[in-house]
Amino acid sequence: MSSKNSNDYLLRGIFKRYVIQVIAITAAVFFATVFISICLRQWLNGHDPFNYLYYRDLYLLYPALAIWVLSIVLATYRLFKQLVHYVDELQEATNLLFDKEAGAIELSPELAAIAEKINALKAESIRNETLAAQRQKQKNDLIVNLAHDLKTPLASIVGYLNLLNGDVKLSGEEREKYLDVVLRKSEALSDLIDEFFEMTKFNLADMKLHVAECNLSLLLEQIIFEFKPLFDEKHMACEPHVPGNVSLWCDADKMSRVFGNLLKNAYLYGDEGSTVVIEVTQDEEIMTMDFINACKTIPEEALENIFEPFYRLDPSRHSAGGSGLGLAISREILRAHGAEIAAESADDKVRFRIRFKK
């Protein structure tokens, strides 16, 4: 029920009660006056045969009118007293709104709709406060993780550069090996910094998409080919199941980032020797993509936060686990495309499901 409807309902209820009270008072005074007048006339007829005092029952109108006015004033006073009581109730409820230790706020039956909204607002406030605390914790964890993520490759780079620049004589093979390590660590550091900048860009500005029709099968084949060396390290495989020539209207570069993040996630957390399966199904309105890989079952509470920025499924795995921004970036890209992503996990498998509207 909207706020305006709730206010109208409360106003109609109060006004209806007041009108009923006025009608009841008027009827009671009227019938009481008529009854007393009839009784008085009968008594006068018995004691005044000349009807000299017959008109005296007309004097009943004055006390009857006075009683009626006094009763109306009293009913109006009670109405305003009830309104003031409602205001006091609402003021007290406002004081309890941000008191987490207080239970559900209860108001008069007439204010039940308002009480329901206040309790919903209180619950939302508690949820927002909890979410803010979680975000702050995630940011604090990010600082610790970022320090470790940056320090580890930097330490390796500095160490190997000192070896290359030192007095120790190195063979050509050793020098080439150390330079290769320095290059890989530098690239990893650059990727990490780029990831942070990209997430900041998504948060600060509207994402600009360059949408065009692309062949989904070819797009997936290209990305899977790029990940083949990584999958080979863990003896993993990737099997796409795409029916026919499925076309997708999207920004191919950004969508490649989404699919790459999901495959990277499968590589980081997937079981060694397992197979990553990509299933594509579609109907007249929705196209669905499922990325399925074998890994340890993810708890339900972790699934609720897995797309949040800075969240790590395994906080102990610093550099190996990335920055915790990949899935958050993927969700933002998909939202910009009007798509949605969700995760579910059971029986030592995890499924990331993307739903595109046609």
Protein backbone atom coordinates (compact mmCIF):
# COMPACT_ATOMS: atom_id res chain seq x y z
CA MET A 1 0.00 0.00 0.00
CA SER A 2 1.42 3.42 -0.96
CA SER A 3 2.05 6.17 1.58
CA LYS A 4 -0.78 8.30 0.16
CA ASN A 5 -3.26 5.40 0.32
CA SER A 6 -2.21 4.64 3.90
CA ASN A 7 -2.74 8.26 4.94
CA ASP A 8 -6.13 8.38 3.20
CA TYR A 9 -7.15 5.12 4.88
CA LEU A 10 -6.17 6.45 8.32
CA LEU A 11 -7.93 9.79 7.69
CA ARG A 12 -11.11 8.06 6.52
CA GLY A 13 -11.05 5.79 9.56
CA ILE A 14 -10.68 8.66 12.04
CA PHE A 15 -13.28 10.81 10.28
CA LYS A 16 -15.72 7.89 10.08
CA ARG A 17 -15.44 7.24 13.83
CA TYR A 18 -15.92 10.91 14.58
CA VAL A 19 -19.04 11.15 12.38
CA ILE A 20 -20.49 8.02 13.99
CA GLN A 21 -19.90 9.52 17.45
CA VAL A 22 -21.59 12.80 16.44
CA ILE A 23 -24.58 10.93 14.99
CA ALA A 24 -24.82 8.72 18.09
CA ILE A 25 -24.68 11.75 20.43
CA THR A 26 -27.26 13.64 18.37
CA ALA A 27 -29.60 10.64 18.28
CA ALA A 28 -29.21 9.97 22.00
CA VAL A 29 -29.89 13.61 22.97
CA PHE A 30 -32.83 13.86 20.54
CA PHE A 31 -34.60 10.68 21.65
CA ALA A 32 -33.88 11.41 25.32
CA THR A 33 -35.40 14.89 24.91
CA VAL A 34 -38.48 13.53 23.12
CA PHE A 35 -38.95 10.84 25.77
CA ILE A 36 -38.63 13.28 28.65
CA SER A 37 -40.96 15.74 26.87
CA ILE A 38 -43.66 13.06 26.47
CA CYS A 39 -43.34 12.02 30.09
CA LEU A 40 -43.46 15.65 31.23
CA ARG A 41 -46.59 16.37 29.19
CA GLN A 42 -48.34 13.36 30.67
CA TRP A 43 -47.42 14.46 34.16
CA LEU A 44 -48.57 18.03 33.51
CA ASN A 45 -51.88 16.77 32.08
CA GLY A 46 -52.49 14.92 35.32
CA HIS A 47 -51.64 17.84 37.60
CA ASP A 48 -52.75 20.84 35.54
CA PRO A 49 -56.23 20.31 34.10
CA PHE A 50 -56.18 23.82 32.60
CA ASN A 51 -52.89 23.06 30.79
CA TYR A 52 -51.52 26.28 32.28
CA LEU A 53 -48.02 24.71 32.39
CA TYR A 54 -48.39 22.68 29.22
CA TYR A 55 -45.85 24.78 27.29
CA ARG A 56 -43.22 24.42 30.04
CA ASP A 57 -41.80 21.21 28.44
CA LEU A 58 -40.41 23.46 25.72
CA TYR A 59 -37.75 24.54 28.20
CA LEU A 60 -36.20 21.10 27.71
CA LEU A 61 -34.75 22.34 24.42
CA TYR A 62 -32.21 24.55 26.19
CA PRO A 63 -30.63 21.91 28.44
CA ALA A 64 -30.84 19.40 25.57
CA LEU A 65 -29.00 21.80 23.26
CA ALA A 66 -26.41 22.50 25.96
CA ILE A 67 -25.86 18.78 26.58
CA TRP A 68 -25.54 18.16 22.81
CA VAL A 69 -22.97 20.95 22.37
CA LEU A 70 -21.02 19.78 25.42
CA SER A 71 -21.01 16.19 24.13
CA ILE A 72 -19.80 17.30 20.68
CA VAL A 73 -17.03 19.35 22.25
CA LEU A 74 -16.05 16.37 24.39
CA ALA A 75 -16.01 14.06 21.34
CA THR A 76 -13.88 16.60 19.42
CA TYR A 77 -11.51 16.85 22.39
CA ARG A 78 -11.16 13.07 22.45
CA LEU A 79 -10.48 13.14 18.70
CA PHE A 80 -7.64 15.63 19.09
CA LYS A 81 -6.33 13.71 22.11
CA GLN A 82 -6.23 10.55 19.97
CA LEU A 83 -4.39 12.42 17.21
CA VAL A 84 -1.84 13.69 19.72
CA HIS A 85 -1.45 10.12 20.98
CA TYR A 86 -0.75 8.98 17.41
CA VAL A 87 1.89 11.71 17.07
CA ASP A 88 3.51 10.62 20.36
CA GLU A 89 3.53 7.01 19.15
CA LEU A 90 5.19 8.00 15.89
CA GLN A 91 7.76 10.12 17.72
CA GLU A 92 8.61 7.21 20.00
CA ALA A 93 8.79 4.89 17.01
CA THR A 94 11.20 7.32 15.32
CA ASN A 95 13.44 7.19 18.38
CA LEU A 96 13.48 3.39 18.18
CA LEU A 97 14.06 3.33 14.44
CA PHE A 98 17.85 3.18 14.68
CA ASP A 99 17.98 1.19 17.92
CA LYS A 100 19.20 -2.24 16.85
CA GLU A 101 18.60 -3.72 20.30
CA ALA A 102 14.90 -2.80 20.26
CA GLY A 103 12.50 -5.33 18.84
CA ALA A 104 9.75 -4.79 16.30
CA ILE A 105 7.95 -1.45 16.65
CA GLU A 106 4.27 -1.77 17.58
CA LEU A 107 1.70 0.99 17.11
CA SER A 108 -2.06 1.32 17.50
CA PRO A 109 -4.18 -0.86 15.19
CA GLU A 110 -5.06 2.24 13.16
CA LEU A 111 -1.34 2.79 12.49
CA ALA A 112 -0.62 -0.84 11.57
CA ALA A 113 0.30 0.05 7.97
CA ILE A 114 2.68 2.77 9.17
CA ALA A 115 4.19 0.41 11.75
CA GLU A 116 4.80 -2.14 8.99
CA LYS A 117 6.63 0.46 6.90
CA ILE A 118 8.69 1.66 9.86
CA ASN A 119 9.73 -1.91 10.68
CA ALA A 120 10.63 -2.49 7.02
CA LEU A 121 12.67 0.73 7.05
CA LYS A 122 14.37 -0.36 10.27
CA ALA A 123 15.21 -3.76 8.81
CA GLU A 124 16.57 -2.08 5.67
CA SER A 125 18.65 0.26 7.82
CA ILE A 126 20.13 -2.68 9.73
CA ARG A 127 20.86 -4.50 6.47
CA ASN A 128 22.53 -1.40 5.02
CA GLU A 129 24.60 -0.95 8.17
CA THR A 130 25.66 -4.59 8.05
CA LEU A 131 26.46 -4.29 4.36
CA ALA A 132 28.46 -1.12 4.99
CA ALA A 133 30.43 -2.91 7.70
CA GLN A 134 31.08 -5.80 5.32
CA ARG A 135 32.20 -3.39 2.60
CA GLN A 136 34.52 -1.65 5.04
CA LYS A 137 35.96 -4.98 6.10
CA GLN A 138 36.42 -5.95 2.47
CA LYS A 139 38.21 -2.68 1.79
CA ASN A 140 40.44 -3.21 4.82
CA ASP A 141 41.17 -6.73 3.61
CA LEU A 142 41.84 -5.28 0.16
CA ILE A 143 44.57 -3.03 1.56
CA VAL A 144 46.24 -6.01 3.22
CA ASN A 145 45.83 -8.19 0.14
CA LEU A 146 46.93 -5.43 -2.21
CA ALA A 147 50.04 -4.82 -0.15
CA HIS A 148 50.86 -8.50 -0.37
CA ASP A 149 49.94 -8.74 -4.06
CA LEU A 150 52.15 -5.79 -4.95
CA LYS A 151 54.96 -6.68 -2.58
CA THR A 152 55.36 -10.27 -3.79
CA PRO A 153 56.05 -9.58 -7.50
CA LEU A 154 58.01 -6.44 -6.64
CA ALA A 155 60.23 -8.40 -4.26
CA SER A 156 60.85 -10.99 -6.96
CA ILE A 157 61.58 -8.32 -9.56
CA VAL A 158 63.99 -6.45 -7.29
CA GLY A 159 65.67 -9.68 -6.22
CA TYR A 160 66.29 -10.95 -9.74
CA LEU A 161 67.37 -7.52 -10.97
CA ASN A 162 69.91 -7.36 -8.16
CA LEU A 163 71.22 -10.74 -9.27
CA LEU A 164 71.42 -9.57 -12.87
CA ASN A 165 73.10 -6.31 -11.86
CA GLY A 166 75.39 -7.82 -9.22
CA ASP A 167 78.88 -9.14 -9.27
CA VAL A 168 77.79 -12.75 -9.49
CA LYS A 169 78.72 -14.25 -12.83
CA LEU A 170 75.73 -15.79 -14.55
CA SER A 171 75.59 -18.00 -17.55
CA GLY A 172 73.58 -16.97 -20.58
CA GLU A 173 70.95 -19.56 -19.73
CA GLU A 174 70.60 -18.33 -16.13
CA ARG A 175 70.45 -14.71 -17.26
CA GLU A 176 67.72 -15.54 -19.75
CA LYS A 177 65.80 -17.51 -17.10
CA TYR A 178 65.97 -14.62 -14.60
CA LEU A 179 64.90 -12.11 -17.24
CA ASP A 180 61.95 -14.32 -18.09
CA VAL A 181 60.92 -14.40 -14.42
CA VAL A 182 61.24 -10.62 -14.16
CA LEU A 183 59.13 -10.19 -17.29
CA ARG A 184 56.37 -12.50 -16.04
CA LYS A 185 56.27 -10.83 -12.62
CA SER A 186 56.17 -7.39 -14.26
CA GLU A 187 53.29 -8.45 -16.49
CA ALA A 188 51.40 -9.85 -13.48
CA LEU A 189 51.94 -6.58 -11.62
CA SER A 190 50.76 -4.58 -14.63
CA ASP A 191 47.63 -6.74 -14.95
CA LEU A 192 46.81 -6.23 -11.29
CA ILE A 193 47.13 -2.45 -11.55
CA ASP A 194 45.05 -2.41 -14.73
CA GLU A 195 42.35 -4.41 -12.99
CA PHE A 196 42.08 -1.87 -10.19
CA PHE A 197 41.94 1.03 -12.62
CA GLU A 198 39.25 -0.73 -14.65
CA MET A 199 37.08 -1.40 -11.61
CA THR A 200 37.41 2.26 -10.58
CA LYS A 201 36.38 3.31 -14.08
CA PHE A 202 33.27 1.12 -13.92
CA ASN A 203 32.29 2.64 -10.58
CA LEU A 204 32.83 6.27 -11.56
CA ALA A 205 31.33 6.50 -15.02
CA ASP A 206 28.75 4.95 -17.28
CA MET A 207 30.24 2.20 -19.37
CA LYS A 208 30.35 2.93 -23.08
CA LEU A 209 29.58 -0.07 -25.23
CA HIS A 210 30.41 -0.60 -28.89
CA VAL A 211 27.74 -3.16 -29.70
CA ALA A 212 27.89 -5.28 -32.82
CA GLU A 213 26.77 -8.74 -33.87
CA CYS A 214 29.41 -11.38 -33.20
CA ASN A 215 29.59 -15.13 -33.63
CA LEU A 216 29.51 -16.65 -30.15
CA SER A 217 31.22 -19.89 -31.19
CA LEU A 218 34.19 -18.07 -32.71
CA LEU A 219 34.44 -15.72 -29.73
CA LEU A 220 34.56 -18.63 -27.28
CA GLU A 221 37.04 -20.56 -29.39
CA GLN A 222 39.41 -17.60 -29.42
CA ILE A 223 39.23 -17.11 -25.64
CA ILE A 224 39.59 -20.84 -24.92
CA PHE A 225 42.65 -20.96 -27.19
CA GLU A 226 44.24 -18.13 -25.20
CA PHE A 227 43.68 -20.05 -21.95
CA LYS A 228 44.96 -23.36 -23.27
CA PRO A 229 48.52 -22.93 -21.86
CA LEU A 230 47.11 -22.24 -18.40
CA PHE A 231 44.73 -25.21 -18.56
CA ASP A 232 47.58 -27.43 -19.76
CA GLU A 233 49.53 -26.58 -16.58
CA LYS A 234 46.77 -28.20 -14.50
CA HIS A 235 45.91 -30.83 -17.12
CA MET A 236 42.50 -29.23 -17.54
CA ALA A 237 40.32 -29.07 -20.63
CA CYS A 238 37.51 -26.83 -21.83
CA GLU A 239 34.54 -28.08 -23.85
CA PRO A 240 32.12 -25.56 -25.39
CA HIS A 241 28.68 -26.79 -26.42
CA VAL A 242 27.21 -24.12 -28.66
CA PRO A 243 24.31 -25.12 -30.95
CA GLY A 244 24.84 -23.98 -34.56
CA ASN A 245 25.84 -20.43 -35.37
CA VAL A 246 24.65 -18.48 -32.36
CA SER A 247 24.96 -14.71 -32.70
CA LEU A 248 25.25 -12.31 -29.80
CA TRP A 249 24.82 -8.56 -29.93
CA CYS A 250 27.46 -7.23 -27.58
CA ASP A 251 30.69 -5.32 -27.14
CA ALA A 252 33.03 -8.15 -28.15
CA ASP A 253 36.06 -6.80 -26.24
CA LYS A 254 34.17 -6.37 -22.97
CA MET A 255 32.30 -9.66 -23.37
CA SER A 256 35.66 -11.36 -23.95
CA ARG A 257 36.68 -9.93 -20.60
CA VAL A 258 33.64 -11.53 -18.96
CA PHE A 259 34.26 -14.96 -20.47
CA GLY A 260 37.98 -14.65 -19.71
CA ASN A 261 37.28 -13.84 -16.06
CA LEU A 262 35.04 -16.89 -15.75
CA LEU A 263 37.65 -19.16 -17.35
CA LYS A 264 40.37 -17.65 -15.17
CA ASN A 265 38.21 -18.32 -12.13
CA ALA A 266 37.77 -21.93 -13.28
CA TYR A 267 41.53 -22.26 -13.73
CA LEU A 268 42.35 -20.79 -10.30
CA TYR A 269 39.83 -22.80 -8.29
CA GLY A 270 39.03 -25.78 -10.53
CA ASP A 271 40.23 -29.29 -9.73
CA GLU A 272 43.38 -30.43 -11.49
CA GLY A 273 42.60 -32.69 -14.45
CA SER A 274 38.96 -31.59 -14.62
CA THR A 275 37.01 -30.30 -17.60
CA VAL A 276 35.36 -26.89 -17.85
CA VAL A 277 32.06 -27.17 -19.70
CA ILE A 278 30.39 -24.23 -21.45
CA GLU A 279 26.76 -24.90 -22.35
CA VAL A 280 24.67 -22.53 -24.45
CA THR A 281 20.89 -22.87 -24.72
CA GLN A 282 18.32 -20.48 -26.07
CA ASP A 283 14.63 -19.96 -26.66
CA GLU A 284 12.61 -17.16 -28.22
CA GLU A 285 13.32 -14.68 -25.42
CA ILE A 286 16.41 -15.79 -23.44
CA MET A 287 19.84 -17.13 -24.27
CA THR A 288 21.57 -18.89 -21.38
CA MET A 289 25.28 -19.61 -20.96
CA ASP A 290 26.50 -21.97 -18.22
CA PHE A 291 30.15 -22.16 -17.19
CA ILE A 292 30.53 -25.38 -15.16
CA ASN A 293 33.69 -26.65 -13.53
CA ALA A 294 34.61 -29.14 -10.82
CA CYS A 295 35.81 -27.61 -7.55
CA LYS A 296 35.13 -27.73 -3.86
CA THR A 297 31.49 -26.86 -3.12
CA ILE A 298 31.15 -23.15 -2.36
CA PRO A 299 29.16 -22.36 0.83
CA GLU A 300 25.87 -20.49 0.40
CA GLU A 301 27.10 -17.45 2.33
CA ALA A 302 30.10 -17.18 0.00
CA LEU A 303 27.87 -17.36 -3.10
CA GLU A 304 25.95 -14.34 -1.82
CA ASN A 305 29.15 -12.24 -1.83
CA ILE A 306 31.08 -13.75 -4.70
CA PHE A 307 30.21 -10.90 -7.10
CA GLU A 308 31.02 -8.15 -4.59
CA PRO A 309 34.14 -6.04 -5.24
CA PHE A 310 37.26 -7.08 -3.34
CA TYR A 311 35.71 -10.37 -2.22
CA ARG A 312 38.03 -13.39 -2.27
CA LEU A 313 36.70 -16.91 -2.13
CA ASP A 314 39.92 -18.01 -0.44
CA PRO A 315 41.58 -15.06 1.38
CA SER A 316 44.68 -17.16 2.07
CA ARG A 317 45.47 -17.34 -1.65
CA HIS A 318 46.76 -13.85 -2.30
CA SER A 319 48.49 -13.51 -5.63
CA ALA A 320 47.19 -16.81 -6.90
CA GLY A 321 43.63 -15.76 -6.23
CA GLY A 322 43.77 -12.39 -7.99
CA SER A 323 42.45 -9.13 -6.60
CA GLY A 324 38.85 -10.22 -6.07
CA LEU A 325 37.61 -7.83 -8.77
CA GLY A 326 37.19 -10.14 -11.76
CA LEU A 327 33.64 -11.32 -11.04
CA ALA A 328 32.58 -7.84 -9.90
CA ILE A 329 33.81 -6.39 -13.20
CA SER A 330 32.05 -9.16 -15.11
CA ARG A 331 28.76 -8.38 -13.39
CA GLU A 332 29.05 -4.68 -14.25
CA ILE A 333 29.78 -5.46 -17.90
CA LEU A 334 26.81 -7.83 -18.10
CA ARG A 335 24.51 -5.32 -16.42
CA ALA A 336 25.53 -2.75 -19.02
CA HIS A 337 24.45 -5.29 -21.67
CA GLY A 338 21.11 -5.86 -19.93
CA ALA A 339 22.16 -9.35 -18.87
CA GLU A 340 22.42 -10.97 -15.46
CA ILE A 341 24.74 -13.50 -13.85
CA ALA A 342 24.27 -15.84 -10.91
CA ALA A 343 26.27 -18.62 -9.25
CA GLU A 344 25.28 -21.90 -7.68
CA SER A 345 27.34 -24.71 -6.24
CA ALA A 346 26.62 -28.29 -5.19
CA ASP A 347 28.19 -31.74 -5.36
CA ASP A 348 31.71 -30.35 -5.81
CA LYS A 349 30.73 -28.31 -8.83
CA VAL A 350 30.12 -24.62 -9.46
CA ARG A 351 27.91 -23.17 -12.18
CA PHE A 352 27.99 -19.56 -13.37
CA ARG A 353 24.83 -18.83 -15.36
CA ILE A 354 24.52 -15.83 -17.68
CA ARG A 355 21.10 -14.88 -19.08
CA PHE A 356 20.92 -12.64 -22.13
CA LYS A 357 17.63 -11.11 -23.25
CA LYS A 358 17.11 -11.23 -27.00
